[in-house]
Amino acid sequence: MPKKKPLVIVTRRLPEVIETRMCELFDARLNESDKPLSHEELAEAMRTAEVLVPTITDRIDAHLIAQAGEQMKLIANFGNGVDNIDVSSALGRSITVTNTPGVLTEDTADMTMALILSVARRLVEGARAIPEGSWSGWSPTWMLGHRITGKRLGIVGMGRIGQALARRAKAFGLSIHYHNRRRAPVEIEESLEATYWESLDQMLARVDIVSIHCPHTPATYHLLSARRLKHLRPHAILVNTARGEIVDENALVRMLDANEMAGAGLDVFEHEPAVSPKLLKLAQAGKVTLLPHMGSATTEGRIDMGEKVIINIKTFMDGHRPPDRVLPSML
């Protein structure tokens, strides 16, 4: 008699090749409409599924986890971060949580480098000029930006993505500085010619470009607070492809509006998908580049994420520890 397939509920559309493989391996219930599940629909999924595959936009909080059925044993997050899941509450209910680390590193670093260039060289403004009919021909003083070669880049969070960005930035002639909870190994510092700052405040006061690559946790909420942002010099640029909650967005808006910073490139927002009208106004004025959380949006990356989700589920259901298990102590 064949083994009964586990009931796996997937909250959003995934790449077709991943959905097909899930249907082959599991009793998979897919979200054909790609419409985010309501709180009630998520609760029902927690009551009936053996495995839930949420994404970063699904809030799996303690209240939802408390409603989980006895058969619910695994939350296999389709995403690198797990700030959308109350991992401690899940552990309290003997529910394992996994994520998909490592596969988005290069894609996110690529987009971060693109944002740095976009803000410094005013690419979005330039791209609008021709279709809007505001370009009348070349001029030696029109649409001037700033070169990035020779500038100092301050990386907040020197994990996989931070290091991938540092490799790219070094090739562009940027000087690498970083702040991290723990200092990187000597061989990494030497290969990147990176300067470590134990004090984030001191680093912010000395760099020209700041890029954020730490996870969103209670400890990093508004890590770049109004007080810390004040350390930046007027010509500084801030780029965020991590999580919007890490930056005090209102303080950032005030500083940009007052010309206390030169610009910002944001792929994430504090209250997304809502974007502050003040940020939209600054974007129209050319002071910020705004992207719709697309830093990791490559076909290859999404397929790699899905394959990790499948491996985590299959390994868990075969009675082994999944390779990407997340514990509260890791956050």
C-alpha atoms as a PDB file:
ATOM      1  CA  MET A   1       0.000   0.000   0.000  1.00  0.00           C
ATOM      2  CA  PRO A   2       1.535   3.347  -1.025  1.00  0.00           C
ATOM      3  CA  LYS A   3       2.409   5.810   1.714  1.00  0.00           C
ATOM      4  CA  LYS A   4      -0.161   8.570   2.179  1.00  0.00           C
ATOM      5  CA  LYS A   5       1.097  11.879   0.827  1.00  0.00           C
ATOM      6  CA  PRO A   6       1.221  14.770   3.327  1.00  0.00           C
ATOM      7  CA  LEU A   7      -1.275  17.611   2.860  1.00  0.00           C
ATOM      8  CA  VAL A   8       0.741  20.693   1.909  1.00  0.00           C
ATOM      9  CA  ILE A   9      -1.020  24.066   1.569  1.00  0.00           C
ATOM     10  CA  VAL A  10       0.784  26.726  -0.467  1.00  0.00           C
ATOM     11  CA  THR A  11      -0.348  30.313   0.136  1.00  0.00           C
ATOM     12  CA  ARG A  12       0.782  31.961  -3.143  1.00  0.00           C
ATOM     13  CA  ARG A  13       1.576  31.041  -6.748  1.00  0.00           C
ATOM     14  CA  LEU A  14       5.065  29.592  -7.157  1.00  0.00           C
ATOM     15  CA  PRO A  15       7.013  28.887 -10.367  1.00  0.00           C
ATOM     16  CA  GLU A  16       5.164  26.273 -12.427  1.00  0.00           C
ATOM     17  CA  VAL A  17       8.011  23.769 -12.286  1.00  0.00           C
ATOM     18  CA  ILE A  18       7.938  23.943  -8.467  1.00  0.00           C
ATOM     19  CA  GLU A  19       4.158  23.587  -8.229  1.00  0.00           C
ATOM     20  CA  THR A  20       4.280  20.585 -10.576  1.00  0.00           C
ATOM     21  CA  ARG A  21       6.950  18.872  -8.493  1.00  0.00           C
ATOM     22  CA  MET A  22       5.002  19.556  -5.286  1.00  0.00           C
ATOM     23  CA  CYS A  23       1.915  17.932  -6.786  1.00  0.00           C
ATOM     24  CA  GLU A  24       4.015  14.875  -7.692  1.00  0.00           C
ATOM     25  CA  LEU A  25       5.454  14.492  -4.195  1.00  0.00           C
ATOM     26  CA  PHE A  26       2.693  15.779  -1.905  1.00  0.00           C
ATOM     27  CA  ASP A  27      -1.044  16.256  -1.640  1.00  0.00           C
ATOM     28  CA  ALA A  28      -0.510  19.880  -2.581  1.00  0.00           C
ATOM     29  CA  ARG A  29      -3.227  22.523  -2.493  1.00  0.00           C
ATOM     30  CA  LEU A  30      -2.128  25.447  -4.610  1.00  0.00           C
ATOM     31  CA  ASN A  31      -3.307  29.051  -4.740  1.00  0.00           C
ATOM     32  CA  GLU A  32      -4.287  29.394  -8.398  1.00  0.00           C
ATOM     33  CA  SER A  33      -5.487  32.992  -7.994  1.00  0.00           C
ATOM     34  CA  ASP A  34      -2.284  34.187  -6.252  1.00  0.00           C
ATOM     35  CA  LYS A  35      -4.513  36.323  -4.025  1.00  0.00           C
ATOM     36  CA  PRO A  36      -3.056  36.545  -0.484  1.00  0.00           C
ATOM     37  CA  LEU A  37      -4.949  34.377   1.975  1.00  0.00           C
ATOM     38  CA  SER A  38      -7.049  36.177   4.566  1.00  0.00           C
ATOM     39  CA  HIS A  39      -6.424  35.685   8.273  1.00  0.00           C
ATOM     40  CA  GLU A  40      -9.393  33.286   8.373  1.00  0.00           C
ATOM     41  CA  GLU A  41      -8.071  31.303   5.398  1.00  0.00           C
ATOM     42  CA  LEU A  42      -4.631  31.049   6.997  1.00  0.00           C
ATOM     43  CA  ALA A  43      -6.256  29.848  10.231  1.00  0.00           C
ATOM     44  CA  GLU A  44      -8.156  27.167   8.310  1.00  0.00           C
ATOM     45  CA  ALA A  45      -4.951  26.100   6.610  1.00  0.00           C
ATOM     46  CA  MET A  46      -3.248  25.800  10.008  1.00  0.00           C
ATOM     47  CA  ARG A  47      -6.122  23.638  11.245  1.00  0.00           C
ATOM     48  CA  THR A  48      -6.069  21.219   8.301  1.00  0.00           C
ATOM     49  CA  ALA A  49      -2.600  21.060   6.730  1.00  0.00           C
ATOM     50  CA  GLU A  50       0.358  18.972   7.789  1.00  0.00           C
ATOM     51  CA  VAL A  51       2.688  21.463   6.117  1.00  0.00           C
ATOM     52  CA  LEU A  52       2.109  25.141   5.425  1.00  0.00           C
ATOM     53  CA  VAL A  53       4.189  26.908   2.767  1.00  0.00           C
ATOM     54  CA  PRO A  54       3.749  30.648   3.447  1.00  0.00           C
ATOM     55  CA  THR A  55       5.619  33.606   2.001  1.00  0.00           C
ATOM     56  CA  ILE A  56       7.044  36.701   3.679  1.00  0.00           C
ATOM     57  CA  THR A  57       3.713  38.533   3.310  1.00  0.00           C
ATOM     58  CA  ASP A  58       1.829  35.947   5.417  1.00  0.00           C
ATOM     59  CA  ARG A  59       1.819  36.844   9.117  1.00  0.00           C
ATOM     60  CA  ILE A  60       1.973  33.551  10.992  1.00  0.00           C
ATOM     61  CA  ASP A  61       1.651  34.958  14.508  1.00  0.00           C
ATOM     62  CA  ALA A  62       1.076  33.330  17.898  1.00  0.00           C
ATOM     63  CA  HIS A  63      -2.709  33.588  17.500  1.00  0.00           C
ATOM     64  CA  LEU A  64      -2.641  31.616  14.254  1.00  0.00           C
ATOM     65  CA  ILE A  65      -0.198  29.064  15.593  1.00  0.00           C
ATOM     66  CA  ALA A  66      -2.450  28.496  18.619  1.00  0.00           C
ATOM     67  CA  GLN A  67      -5.177  27.376  16.183  1.00  0.00           C
ATOM     68  CA  ALA A  68      -2.975  24.774  14.480  1.00  0.00           C
ATOM     69  CA  GLY A  69      -4.302  21.240  14.352  1.00  0.00           C
ATOM     70  CA  GLU A  70      -2.416  18.350  15.885  1.00  0.00           C
ATOM     71  CA  GLN A  71      -1.376  17.222  12.402  1.00  0.00           C
ATOM     72  CA  MET A  72       0.412  20.545  11.651  1.00  0.00           C
ATOM     73  CA  LYS A  73       4.113  19.795  12.005  1.00  0.00           C
ATOM     74  CA  LEU A  74       6.030  22.011   9.576  1.00  0.00           C
ATOM     75  CA  ILE A  75       5.967  25.620   8.368  1.00  0.00           C
ATOM     76  CA  ALA A  76       8.243  25.670   5.311  1.00  0.00           C
ATOM     77  CA  ASN A  77       8.650  29.376   4.601  1.00  0.00           C
ATOM     78  CA  PHE A  78       9.175  30.405   0.972  1.00  0.00           C
ATOM     79  CA  GLY A  79      11.638  33.136   1.860  1.00  0.00           C
ATOM     80  CA  ASN A  80      14.981  33.869   3.433  1.00  0.00           C
ATOM     81  CA  GLY A  81      13.692  35.885   6.387  1.00  0.00           C
ATOM     82  CA  VAL A  82      11.297  34.501   8.979  1.00  0.00           C
ATOM     83  CA  ASP A  83      10.224  37.758  10.628  1.00  0.00           C
ATOM     84  CA  ASN A  84       6.706  36.924   9.378  1.00  0.00           C
ATOM     85  CA  ILE A  85       6.593  33.844  11.649  1.00  0.00           C
ATOM     86  CA  ASP A  86       6.506  33.607  15.438  1.00  0.00           C
ATOM     87  CA  VAL A  87       9.205  30.945  15.576  1.00  0.00           C
ATOM     88  CA  SER A  88       9.111  30.641  19.382  1.00  0.00           C
ATOM     89  CA  SER A  89       5.360  30.000  19.403  1.00  0.00           C
ATOM     90  CA  ALA A  90       5.773  27.404  16.665  1.00  0.00           C
ATOM     91  CA  LEU A  91       8.473  25.629  18.648  1.00  0.00           C
ATOM     92  CA  GLY A  92       6.163  25.658  21.675  1.00  0.00           C
ATOM     93  CA  ARG A  93       3.626  23.721  19.633  1.00  0.00           C
ATOM     94  CA  SER A  94       6.299  21.312  18.337  1.00  0.00           C
ATOM     95  CA  ILE A  95       6.023  22.809  14.857  1.00  0.00           C
ATOM     96  CA  THR A  96       9.285  22.986  12.899  1.00  0.00           C
ATOM     97  CA  VAL A  97      10.052  26.149  10.890  1.00  0.00           C
ATOM     98  CA  THR A  98      12.335  26.225   7.849  1.00  0.00           C
ATOM     99  CA  ASN A  99      13.388  28.931   5.393  1.00  0.00           C
ATOM    100  CA  THR A 100      15.329  29.213   2.114  1.00  0.00           C
ATOM    101  CA  PRO A 101      18.706  30.824   2.891  1.00  0.00           C
ATOM    102  CA  GLY A 102      21.580  31.375   0.514  1.00  0.00           C
ATOM    103  CA  VAL A 103      19.794  31.203  -2.832  1.00  0.00           C
ATOM    104  CA  LEU A 104      18.986  34.923  -3.119  1.00  0.00           C
ATOM    105  CA  THR A 105      22.438  36.241  -2.294  1.00  0.00           C
ATOM    106  CA  GLU A 106      23.709  37.106  -5.759  1.00  0.00           C
ATOM    107  CA  ASP A 107      20.363  38.439  -7.031  1.00  0.00           C
ATOM    108  CA  THR A 108      19.936  40.790  -4.075  1.00  0.00           C
ATOM    109  CA  ALA A 109      23.542  41.966  -4.286  1.00  0.00           C
ATOM    110  CA  ASP A 110      23.054  42.690  -8.002  1.00  0.00           C
ATOM    111  CA  MET A 111      19.968  44.801  -7.301  1.00  0.00           C
ATOM    112  CA  THR A 112      21.696  46.629  -4.454  1.00  0.00           C
ATOM    113  CA  MET A 113      24.563  47.578  -6.744  1.00  0.00           C
ATOM    114  CA  ALA A 114      22.030  48.709  -9.330  1.00  0.00           C
ATOM    115  CA  LEU A 115      20.344  50.957  -6.759  1.00  0.00           C
ATOM    116  CA  ILE A 116      23.662  52.470  -5.698  1.00  0.00           C
ATOM    117  CA  LEU A 117      24.405  53.338  -9.325  1.00  0.00           C
ATOM    118  CA  SER A 118      20.843  54.498  -9.958  1.00  0.00           C
ATOM    119  CA  VAL A 119      20.842  56.990  -7.093  1.00  0.00           C
ATOM    120  CA  ALA A 120      24.388  58.252  -7.633  1.00  0.00           C
ATOM    121  CA  ARG A 121      24.004  58.657 -11.415  1.00  0.00           C
ATOM    122  CA  ARG A 122      20.304  59.690 -11.452  1.00  0.00           C
ATOM    123  CA  LEU A 123      19.323  56.848 -13.777  1.00  0.00           C
ATOM    124  CA  VAL A 124      15.574  56.989 -13.080  1.00  0.00           C
ATOM    125  CA  GLU A 125      15.443  60.738 -13.751  1.00  0.00           C
ATOM    126  CA  GLY A 126      17.396  60.240 -16.943  1.00  0.00           C
ATOM    127  CA  ALA A 127      15.165  57.394 -18.087  1.00  0.00           C
ATOM    128  CA  ARG A 128      12.105  59.623 -17.622  1.00  0.00           C
ATOM    129  CA  ALA A 129      13.548  62.591 -19.494  1.00  0.00           C
ATOM    130  CA  ILE A 130      13.180  61.217 -23.019  1.00  0.00           C
ATOM    131  CA  PRO A 131       9.607  59.842 -22.841  1.00  0.00           C
ATOM    132  CA  GLU A 132       8.511  62.986 -20.972  1.00  0.00           C
ATOM    133  CA  GLY A 133      10.053  65.165 -23.688  1.00  0.00           C
ATOM    134  CA  SER A 134      12.241  67.181 -21.322  1.00  0.00           C
ATOM    135  CA  TRP A 135      15.543  66.358 -23.069  1.00  0.00           C
ATOM    136  CA  SER A 136      16.612  68.972 -25.591  1.00  0.00           C
ATOM    137  CA  GLY A 137      20.098  67.628 -26.226  1.00  0.00           C
ATOM    138  CA  TRP A 138      23.415  67.103 -24.501  1.00  0.00           C
ATOM    139  CA  SER A 139      24.649  69.745 -22.084  1.00  0.00           C
ATOM    140  CA  PRO A 140      27.833  69.792 -19.979  1.00  0.00           C
ATOM    141  CA  THR A 141      25.937  70.790 -16.832  1.00  0.00           C
ATOM    142  CA  TRP A 142      22.652  68.895 -17.150  1.00  0.00           C
ATOM    143  CA  MET A 143      21.704  65.813 -15.081  1.00  0.00           C
ATOM    144  CA  LEU A 144      24.975  65.692 -13.197  1.00  0.00           C
ATOM    145  CA  GLY A 145      25.358  62.864 -10.725  1.00  0.00           C
ATOM    146  CA  HIS A 146      28.358  61.615  -8.767  1.00  0.00           C
ATOM    147  CA  ARG A 147      30.970  58.963  -9.500  1.00  0.00           C
ATOM    148  CA  ILE A 148      31.143  56.115  -7.023  1.00  0.00           C
ATOM    149  CA  THR A 149      34.765  55.135  -7.640  1.00  0.00           C
ATOM    150  CA  GLY A 150      36.868  56.243  -4.680  1.00  0.00           C
ATOM    151  CA  LYS A 151      33.898  56.574  -2.329  1.00  0.00           C
ATOM    152  CA  ARG A 152      33.442  54.736   0.976  1.00  0.00           C
ATOM    153  CA  LEU A 153      30.668  52.131   1.227  1.00  0.00           C
ATOM    154  CA  GLY A 154      29.366  51.248   4.697  1.00  0.00           C
ATOM    155  CA  ILE A 155      27.672  47.835   4.848  1.00  0.00           C
ATOM    156  CA  VAL A 156      25.335  47.186   7.780  1.00  0.00           C
ATOM    157  CA  GLY A 157      25.318  43.395   8.150  1.00  0.00           C
ATOM    158  CA  MET A 158      28.239  41.444   6.664  1.00  0.00           C
ATOM    159  CA  GLY A 159      26.498  38.141   6.007  1.00  0.00           C
ATOM    160  CA  ARG A 160      26.192  36.391   2.643  1.00  0.00           C
ATOM    161  CA  ILE A 161      24.533  39.330   0.863  1.00  0.00           C
ATOM    162  CA  GLY A 162      26.752  41.944   2.501  1.00  0.00           C
ATOM    163  CA  GLN A 163      29.853  40.062   1.360  1.00  0.00           C
ATOM    164  CA  ALA A 164      28.458  39.577  -2.163  1.00  0.00           C
ATOM    165  CA  LEU A 165      27.809  43.309  -2.386  1.00  0.00           C
ATOM    166  CA  ALA A 166      31.301  44.052  -1.071  1.00  0.00           C
ATOM    167  CA  ARG A 167      32.850  41.947  -3.862  1.00  0.00           C
ATOM    168  CA  ARG A 168      30.899  43.895  -6.486  1.00  0.00           C
ATOM    169  CA  ALA A 169      31.581  47.265  -4.880  1.00  0.00           C
ATOM    170  CA  LYS A 170      35.308  46.580  -4.604  1.00  0.00           C
ATOM    171  CA  ALA A 171      35.386  45.958  -8.367  1.00  0.00           C
ATOM    172  CA  PHE A 172      33.783  49.395  -8.845  1.00  0.00           C
ATOM    173  CA  GLY A 173      36.569  51.013  -6.855  1.00  0.00           C
ATOM    174  CA  LEU A 174      34.647  51.557  -3.623  1.00  0.00           C
ATOM    175  CA  SER A 175      36.375  51.344  -0.248  1.00  0.00           C
ATOM    176  CA  ILE A 176      34.614  48.733   1.920  1.00  0.00           C
ATOM    177  CA  HIS A 177      33.612  49.451   5.513  1.00  0.00           C
ATOM    178  CA  TYR A 178      31.231  47.357   7.583  1.00  0.00           C
ATOM    179  CA  HIS A 179      29.427  46.961  10.890  1.00  0.00           C
ATOM    180  CA  ASN A 180      28.283  43.558  12.097  1.00  0.00           C
ATOM    181  CA  ARG A 181      27.318  41.858  15.348  1.00  0.00           C
ATOM    182  CA  ARG A 182      30.476  39.780  15.017  1.00  0.00           C
ATOM    183  CA  ARG A 183      33.631  40.705  13.214  1.00  0.00           C
ATOM    184  CA  ALA A 184      34.193  38.766   9.982  1.00  0.00           C
ATOM    185  CA  PRO A 185      37.083  36.293   9.768  1.00  0.00           C
ATOM    186  CA  VAL A 186      40.441  37.805   8.916  1.00  0.00           C
ATOM    187  CA  GLU A 187      40.591  36.113   5.501  1.00  0.00           C
ATOM    188  CA  ILE A 188      37.290  37.752   4.475  1.00  0.00           C
ATOM    189  CA  GLU A 189      38.438  41.169   5.652  1.00  0.00           C
ATOM    190  CA  GLU A 190      41.716  40.773   3.779  1.00  0.00           C
ATOM    191  CA  SER A 191      40.116  39.584   0.531  1.00  0.00           C
ATOM    192  CA  LEU A 192      37.661  42.498   0.556  1.00  0.00           C
ATOM    193  CA  GLU A 193      40.141  45.000   2.032  1.00  0.00           C
ATOM    194  CA  ALA A 194      37.322  45.768   4.464  1.00  0.00           C
ATOM    195  CA  THR A 195      37.469  47.985   7.540  1.00  0.00           C
ATOM    196  CA  TYR A 196      35.449  46.820  10.550  1.00  0.00           C
ATOM    197  CA  TRP A 197      33.610  49.296  12.777  1.00  0.00           C
ATOM    198  CA  GLU A 198      32.410  48.057  16.137  1.00  0.00           C
ATOM    199  CA  SER A 199      30.444  51.319  16.466  1.00  0.00           C
ATOM    200  CA  LEU A 200      27.713  51.768  13.858  1.00  0.00           C
ATOM    201  CA  ASP A 201      27.514  55.464  14.745  1.00  0.00           C
ATOM    202  CA  GLN A 202      31.184  56.001  13.974  1.00  0.00           C
ATOM    203  CA  MET A 203      30.933  54.195  10.640  1.00  0.00           C
ATOM    204  CA  LEU A 204      27.872  56.164   9.519  1.00  0.00           C
ATOM    205  CA  ALA A 205      29.699  59.439  10.138  1.00  0.00           C
ATOM    206  CA  ARG A 206      32.552  58.455   7.823  1.00  0.00           C
ATOM    207  CA  VAL A 207      31.044  56.747   4.769  1.00  0.00           C
ATOM    208  CA  ASP A 208      29.502  58.111   1.575  1.00  0.00           C
ATOM    209  CA  ILE A 209      27.067  55.267   0.845  1.00  0.00           C
ATOM    210  CA  VAL A 210      25.244  53.062   3.366  1.00  0.00           C
ATOM    211  CA  SER A 211      23.708  49.723   2.392  1.00  0.00           C
ATOM    212  CA  ILE A 212      21.591  47.639   4.770  1.00  0.00           C
ATOM    213  CA  HIS A 213      21.862  43.842   4.830  1.00  0.00           C
ATOM    214  CA  CYS A 214      20.907  42.714   8.325  1.00  0.00           C
ATOM    215  CA  PRO A 215      17.744  40.718   9.149  1.00  0.00           C
ATOM    216  CA  HIS A 216      14.672  42.327  10.697  1.00  0.00           C
ATOM    217  CA  THR A 217      14.458  41.267  14.346  1.00  0.00           C
ATOM    218  CA  PRO A 218      13.301  43.093  17.488  1.00  0.00           C
ATOM    219  CA  ALA A 219      16.932  44.132  17.972  1.00  0.00           C
ATOM    220  CA  THR A 220      17.203  45.687  14.495  1.00  0.00           C
ATOM    221  CA  TYR A 221      13.847  47.493  14.423  1.00  0.00           C
ATOM    222  CA  HIS A 222      14.708  51.132  13.584  1.00  0.00           C
ATOM    223  CA  LEU A 223      18.390  50.263  13.879  1.00  0.00           C
ATOM    224  CA  LEU A 224      18.892  53.299  11.673  1.00  0.00           C
ATOM    225  CA  SER A 225      16.940  55.591  13.948  1.00  0.00           C
ATOM    226  CA  ALA A 226      16.493  59.346  13.646  1.00  0.00           C
ATOM    227  CA  ARG A 227      19.498  59.803  15.938  1.00  0.00           C
ATOM    228  CA  ARG A 228      21.713  57.488  13.885  1.00  0.00           C
ATOM    229  CA  LEU A 229      20.652  58.915  10.538  1.00  0.00           C
ATOM    230  CA  LYS A 230      21.815  62.313  11.781  1.00  0.00           C
ATOM    231  CA  HIS A 231      25.391  60.964  11.689  1.00  0.00           C
ATOM    232  CA  LEU A 232      25.224  60.793   7.881  1.00  0.00           C
ATOM    233  CA  ARG A 233      26.817  63.640   5.963  1.00  0.00           C
ATOM    234  CA  PRO A 234      24.784  65.770   3.507  1.00  0.00           C
ATOM    235  CA  HIS A 235      26.265  64.042   0.451  1.00  0.00           C
ATOM    236  CA  ALA A 236      25.487  60.514   1.756  1.00  0.00           C
ATOM    237  CA  ILE A 237      23.273  57.947   0.006  1.00  0.00           C
ATOM    238  CA  LEU A 238      21.311  55.207   1.806  1.00  0.00           C
ATOM    239  CA  VAL A 239      20.244  51.968   0.099  1.00  0.00           C
ATOM    240  CA  ASN A 240      17.935  49.370   1.667  1.00  0.00           C
ATOM    241  CA  THR A 241      17.207  45.978   0.095  1.00  0.00           C
ATOM    242  CA  ALA A 242      16.769  44.183   3.435  1.00  0.00           C
ATOM    243  CA  ARG A 243      13.611  45.106   5.398  1.00  0.00           C
ATOM    244  CA  GLY A 244      11.857  48.449   5.636  1.00  0.00           C
ATOM    245  CA  GLU A 245      11.426  48.262   9.388  1.00  0.00           C
ATOM    246  CA  ILE A 246      15.180  48.572   9.933  1.00  0.00           C
ATOM    247  CA  VAL A 247      15.049  52.273   8.983  1.00  0.00           C
ATOM    248  CA  ASP A 248      12.992  54.985  10.670  1.00  0.00           C
ATOM    249  CA  GLU A 249      11.238  55.924   7.436  1.00  0.00           C
ATOM    250  CA  ASN A 250       9.729  59.166   8.761  1.00  0.00           C
ATOM    251  CA  ALA A 251      13.149  60.366   9.899  1.00  0.00           C
ATOM    252  CA  LEU A 252      14.637  59.420   6.531  1.00  0.00           C
ATOM    253  CA  VAL A 253      11.941  61.416   4.717  1.00  0.00           C
ATOM    254  CA  ARG A 254      12.571  64.472   6.902  1.00  0.00           C
ATOM    255  CA  MET A 255      16.298  64.386   6.223  1.00  0.00           C
ATOM    256  CA  LEU A 256      15.882  63.962   2.472  1.00  0.00           C
ATOM    257  CA  ASP A 257      13.325  66.751   2.370  1.00  0.00           C
ATOM    258  CA  ALA A 258      15.691  69.042   4.277  1.00  0.00           C
ATOM    259  CA  ASN A 259      18.653  68.147   2.001  1.00  0.00           C
ATOM    260  CA  GLU A 260      20.481  66.622   4.957  1.00  0.00           C
ATOM    261  CA  MET A 261      21.120  63.565   2.752  1.00  0.00           C
ATOM    262  CA  ALA A 262      21.791  63.363  -0.975  1.00  0.00           C
ATOM    263  CA  GLY A 263      19.443  60.508  -1.808  1.00  0.00           C
ATOM    264  CA  ALA A 264      18.162  57.006  -1.109  1.00  0.00           C
ATOM    265  CA  GLY A 265      17.411  53.808  -3.002  1.00  0.00           C
ATOM    266  CA  LEU A 266      14.663  51.722  -1.416  1.00  0.00           C
ATOM    267  CA  ASP A 267      13.402  48.292  -2.449  1.00  0.00           C
ATOM    268  CA  VAL A 268      11.575  47.766   0.860  1.00  0.00           C
ATOM    269  CA  PHE A 269       9.299  49.939   2.977  1.00  0.00           C
ATOM    270  CA  GLU A 270       8.312  50.129   6.609  1.00  0.00           C
ATOM    271  CA  HIS A 271       4.605  49.521   5.973  1.00  0.00           C
ATOM    272  CA  GLU A 272       4.675  47.791   2.604  1.00  0.00           C
ATOM    273  CA  PRO A 273       2.886  47.344   0.318  1.00  0.00           C
ATOM    274  CA  ALA A 274       1.807  50.840   1.438  1.00  0.00           C
ATOM    275  CA  VAL A 275       4.366  53.476   0.457  1.00  0.00           C
ATOM    276  CA  SER A 276       4.480  56.828   2.208  1.00  0.00           C
ATOM    277  CA  PRO A 277       3.036  59.648   0.045  1.00  0.00           C
ATOM    278  CA  LYS A 278       5.993  61.724   1.202  1.00  0.00           C
ATOM    279  CA  LEU A 279       8.371  59.178  -0.332  1.00  0.00           C
ATOM    280  CA  LEU A 280       6.383  59.249  -3.562  1.00  0.00           C
ATOM    281  CA  LYS A 281       6.717  63.040  -3.628  1.00  0.00           C
ATOM    282  CA  LEU A 282      10.479  62.758  -3.080  1.00  0.00           C
ATOM    283  CA  ALA A 283      10.659  60.204  -5.908  1.00  0.00           C
ATOM    284  CA  GLN A 284       8.977  62.673  -8.251  1.00  0.00           C
ATOM    285  CA  ALA A 285      11.568  65.245  -7.205  1.00  0.00           C
ATOM    286  CA  GLY A 286      14.382  62.813  -8.012  1.00  0.00           C
ATOM    287  CA  LYS A 287      15.632  62.427  -4.441  1.00  0.00           C
ATOM    288  CA  VAL A 288      14.833  58.727  -4.058  1.00  0.00           C
ATOM    289  CA  THR A 289      14.641  55.649  -6.263  1.00  0.00           C
ATOM    290  CA  LEU A 290      11.778  53.367  -5.257  1.00  0.00           C
ATOM    291  CA  LEU A 291      11.422  49.721  -6.317  1.00  0.00           C
ATOM    292  CA  PRO A 292       8.532  47.337  -5.507  1.00  0.00           C
ATOM    293  CA  HIS A 293      10.441  44.775  -3.373  1.00  0.00           C
ATOM    294  CA  MET A 294      12.034  43.131  -6.393  1.00  0.00           C
ATOM    295  CA  GLY A 295      15.591  42.666  -5.161  1.00  0.00           C
ATOM    296  CA  SER A 296      15.390  38.874  -5.295  1.00  0.00           C
ATOM    297  CA  ALA A 297      12.972  38.680  -8.227  1.00  0.00           C
ATOM    298  CA  THR A 298      14.720  36.447 -10.735  1.00  0.00           C
ATOM    299  CA  THR A 299      13.296  33.292 -12.269  1.00  0.00           C
ATOM    300  CA  GLU A 300      16.393  31.364 -11.220  1.00  0.00           C
ATOM    301  CA  GLY A 301      16.160  32.598  -7.639  1.00  0.00           C
ATOM    302  CA  ARG A 302      12.483  31.736  -7.235  1.00  0.00           C
ATOM    303  CA  ILE A 303      13.044  28.219  -8.589  1.00  0.00           C
ATOM    304  CA  ASP A 304      16.001  27.735  -6.250  1.00  0.00           C
ATOM    305  CA  MET A 305      13.805  28.867  -3.327  1.00  0.00           C
ATOM    306  CA  GLY A 306      11.091  26.409  -4.302  1.00  0.00           C
ATOM    307  CA  GLU A 307      13.566  23.561  -4.556  1.00  0.00           C
ATOM    308  CA  LYS A 308      14.786  24.340  -1.039  1.00  0.00           C
ATOM    309  CA  VAL A 309      11.192  24.293   0.233  1.00  0.00           C
ATOM    310  CA  ILE A 310      10.668  20.858  -1.376  1.00  0.00           C
ATOM    311  CA  ILE A 311      13.900  19.479   0.104  1.00  0.00           C
ATOM    312  CA  ASN A 312      12.944  20.751   3.558  1.00  0.00           C
ATOM    313  CA  ILE A 313       9.480  19.149   3.361  1.00  0.00           C
ATOM    314  CA  LYS A 314      10.733  15.869   1.905  1.00  0.00           C
ATOM    315  CA  THR A 315      13.534  15.563   4.455  1.00  0.00           C
ATOM    316  CA  PHE A 316      11.187  16.342   7.335  1.00  0.00           C
ATOM    317  CA  MET A 317       8.537  13.881   6.156  1.00  0.00           C
ATOM    318  CA  ASP A 318      11.181  11.177   5.793  1.00  0.00           C
ATOM    319  CA  GLY A 319      11.893  11.564   9.504  1.00  0.00           C
ATOM    320  CA  HIS A 320      15.102  13.578   9.292  1.00  0.00           C
ATOM    321  CA  ARG A 321      16.044  17.073  10.398  1.00  0.00           C
ATOM    322  CA  PRO A 322      15.455  19.489   7.490  1.00  0.00           C
ATOM    323  CA  PRO A 323      18.615  21.288   6.338  1.00  0.00           C
ATOM    324  CA  ASP A 324      17.187  24.798   6.783  1.00  0.00           C
ATOM    325  CA  ARG A 325      15.554  24.517  10.193  1.00  0.00           C
ATOM    326  CA  VAL A 326      15.190  27.842  12.025  1.00  0.00           C
ATOM    327  CA  LEU A 327      15.458  28.125  15.822  1.00  0.00           C
ATOM    328  CA  PRO A 328      14.741  31.190  18.015  1.00  0.00           C
ATOM    329  CA  SER A 329      18.424  31.335  19.001  1.00  0.00           C
ATOM    330  CA  MET A 330      19.330  31.904  15.340  1.00  0.00           C
ATOM    331  CA  LEU A 331      17.263  35.099  15.075  1.00  0.00           C
END
